[in-house]
Protein backbone atom coordinates (compact mmCIF):
# COMPACT_ATOMS: atom_id res chain seq x y z
CA MET A 1 -94.06 -98.12 17.77
CA VAL A 2 -93.22 -96.69 21.24
CA GLU A 3 -89.94 -95.67 22.59
CA LYS A 4 -87.71 -98.40 24.03
CA LYS A 5 -88.02 -97.11 27.64
CA TYR A 6 -91.69 -97.55 27.43
CA ALA A 7 -91.62 -100.84 25.78
CA ASP A 8 -89.43 -102.02 28.41
CA ALA A 9 -91.83 -100.75 31.12
CA PHE A 10 -94.69 -102.26 29.54
CA ALA A 11 -93.17 -105.45 29.58
CA GLU A 12 -92.28 -105.19 33.30
CA VAL A 13 -95.87 -104.34 34.19
CA LEU A 14 -97.02 -107.37 32.17
CA TRP A 15 -94.42 -109.53 34.13
CA TYR A 16 -95.42 -107.87 37.39
CA LEU A 17 -99.36 -108.70 36.57
CA ASN A 18 -98.37 -112.16 36.00
CA GLY A 19 -97.77 -112.38 39.77
CA ILE A 20 -101.01 -110.86 41.02
CA SER A 21 -104.38 -112.65 41.86
CA LYS A 22 -106.70 -113.28 38.98
CA GLU A 23 -109.27 -111.43 40.56
CA ASP A 24 -107.42 -108.18 40.48
CA TYR A 25 -105.84 -108.92 36.92
CA ASN A 26 -109.49 -109.29 35.79
CA ARG A 27 -110.45 -105.87 37.05
CA ILE A 28 -107.86 -104.28 34.45
CA PRO A 29 -109.61 -103.53 31.15
CA ILE A 30 -108.82 -105.98 28.35
CA LYS A 31 -107.97 -103.25 26.07
CA LEU A 32 -105.17 -101.96 28.39
CA ILE A 33 -103.59 -105.44 28.75
CA ASN A 34 -103.64 -105.85 24.94
CA PHE A 35 -102.21 -102.28 24.48
CA LEU A 36 -99.41 -103.19 26.77
CA LYS A 37 -98.88 -106.65 25.14
CA GLU A 38 -98.73 -105.10 21.61
CA ASN A 39 -96.19 -102.44 22.61
CA ALA A 40 -93.96 -104.67 25.14
CA SER A 41 -90.56 -104.96 24.51
CA ASP A 42 -89.14 -108.97 24.28
CA GLU A 43 -86.07 -107.81 25.96
CA PHE A 44 -86.11 -106.85 29.54
CA ASP A 45 -84.77 -107.86 32.85
CA LYS A 46 -87.14 -110.34 34.62
CA PHE A 47 -87.69 -110.04 38.15
CA ASP A 48 -88.97 -111.92 41.19
CA TYR A 49 -92.43 -110.80 41.30
CA THR A 50 -93.15 -112.55 44.58
CA LYS A 51 -91.29 -109.72 46.26
CA PRO A 52 -93.00 -106.57 47.41
CA LEU A 53 -93.12 -103.85 44.71
CA LYS A 54 -90.99 -101.52 46.81
CA ASP A 55 -88.12 -104.21 46.74
CA LEU A 56 -88.19 -104.68 42.98
CA LYS A 57 -85.88 -102.57 40.97
CA LEU A 58 -88.54 -101.41 38.35
CA LYS A 59 -88.10 -98.61 35.91
CA ASP A 60 -89.97 -95.22 36.96
CA GLU A 61 -92.18 -95.47 34.04
CA SER A 62 -93.15 -99.06 35.25
CA ILE A 63 -93.92 -97.90 38.67
CA ALA A 64 -96.01 -95.00 37.19
CA LEU A 65 -98.00 -97.67 35.17
CA ILE A 66 -98.78 -99.80 38.11
CA ASP A 67 -99.77 -96.69 40.12
CA MET A 68 -102.15 -95.66 37.56
CA ILE A 69 -103.60 -99.30 37.24
CA TYR A 70 -103.88 -99.22 41.15
CA LEU A 71 -105.61 -95.93 41.38
CA ASN A 72 -107.95 -96.53 38.37
CA TYR A 73 -108.96 -100.17 38.80
CA TRP A 74 -108.04 -101.61 42.31
CA CYS A 75 -109.08 -98.73 44.60
CA ASP A 76 -112.58 -99.63 45.66
CA THR A 77 -113.65 -96.37 47.39
CA GLU A 78 -113.06 -92.55 46.77
CA GLU A 79 -111.57 -92.48 50.18
CA GLU A 80 -108.98 -95.22 49.32
CA LYS A 81 -108.22 -93.19 45.96
CA ASN A 82 -107.84 -90.16 48.16
CA GLU A 83 -105.33 -91.70 50.35
CA PHE A 84 -103.37 -93.11 47.88
CA ILE A 85 -103.21 -89.70 45.89
CA LEU A 86 -101.86 -88.42 49.15
CA ILE A 87 -99.20 -90.89 49.35
CA LEU A 88 -98.21 -90.07 45.80
CA ASN A 89 -98.19 -86.27 46.52
CA ASN A 90 -96.20 -86.88 49.66
CA ASN A 91 -93.82 -89.19 47.90
CA SER A 92 -93.36 -86.52 44.82
CA GLN A 93 -92.84 -83.62 47.44
CA LYS A 94 -89.94 -85.92 49.40
CA HIS A 95 -88.48 -86.21 45.90
CA GLN A 96 -88.48 -82.61 45.21
CA ASP A 97 -86.97 -81.75 48.46
CA GLU A 98 -84.24 -84.28 47.92
CA LEU A 99 -83.66 -82.59 44.38
CA LYS A 100 -83.35 -79.27 46.06
CA SER A 101 -81.00 -80.31 48.56
CA ILE A 102 -78.76 -81.93 45.83
CA TYR A 103 -78.99 -78.93 43.66
CA SER A 104 -79.34 -75.95 45.80
CA LEU A 105 -79.20 -72.85 44.04
CA ASN A 106 -79.67 -70.38 46.75
CA VAL A 107 -77.09 -67.92 46.15
CA PHE A 108 -78.03 -65.67 49.21
CA GLU A 109 -77.26 -68.55 51.62
CA ASN A 110 -73.97 -67.48 53.00
CA LYS A 111 -72.93 -64.10 51.84
CA ASN A 112 -69.57 -63.79 53.69
CA SER A 113 -68.25 -67.08 52.05
CA SER A 114 -69.37 -65.74 48.64
CA VAL A 115 -67.33 -62.49 49.08
CA GLU A 116 -64.48 -64.73 50.21
CA ASN A 117 -64.58 -66.97 47.17
CA ILE A 118 -64.80 -63.95 44.89
CA GLU A 119 -61.80 -62.38 46.60
CA ALA A 120 -59.98 -65.73 46.29
CA ASN A 121 -60.76 -66.09 42.64
CA SER A 122 -59.53 -62.64 41.82
CA GLU A 123 -56.32 -63.40 43.30
CA GLU A 124 -56.10 -66.58 41.47
CA LEU A 125 -56.92 -64.60 38.28
CA ALA A 126 -54.19 -62.31 38.99
CA LEU A 127 -51.73 -64.78 39.37
CA THR A 128 -52.76 -66.55 36.25
CA GLU A 129 -52.41 -63.46 34.29
CA TYR A 130 -49.06 -62.86 35.67
CA ASN A 131 -47.94 -66.46 34.91
CA GLU A 132 -48.95 -65.77 31.28
CA LYS A 133 -46.81 -62.78 31.07
CA ILE A 134 -43.70 -65.02 32.40
CA LEU A 135 -44.60 -67.68 29.88
CA ASP A 136 -44.78 -64.90 27.01
CA LYS A 137 -41.31 -63.81 27.98
CA ILE A 138 -39.84 -67.43 28.01
CA ILE A 139 -41.32 -68.11 24.68
CA ARG A 140 -39.88 -64.80 23.27
CA LYS A 141 -36.47 -65.64 24.63
CA ILE A 142 -36.57 -69.23 22.97
CA LYS A 143 -37.70 -67.72 19.81
CA GLU A 144 -34.47 -65.25 20.04
CA ILE A 145 -32.26 -68.13 20.65
CA LEU A 146 -33.57 -70.12 17.83
CA LYS A 147 -33.01 -67.07 15.50
CA MET A 148 -29.45 -67.03 16.68
CA PHE A 149 -28.86 -70.62 15.71
CA LYS A 150 -30.50 -69.81 12.22
CA ARG A 151 -28.04 -67.13 11.41
């Protein structure tokens, strides 16, 4: 049995394949189709497969499977395969660049602001320590007052 995310992806791919031409469908090996059918989930969000693939909200796993099918069974020439691989590589690079911009870890990006942040943080730390000392004094005074009432 496969993981749910893959079972859902298999179901989405099968649903997508229902909308393609019979000629393209027949180019896919029957073993692959049977594997998808045997492991597909019964519960998945159906979509309008008459829309272009880029407009559908498919799972990443589904898109990867369709890409694999396109590359292995629908590309007729080596040139077409190479062009498709280039497109996949460009898309992957764009995705990596987006991730880098979102999760930038460049600690040397702006040295001056880093020094200012450290100085500001040390002032906050000093204030926090000072406030804790005051809080300790207040708690101690409250305890002394409570002891006086117990006597």
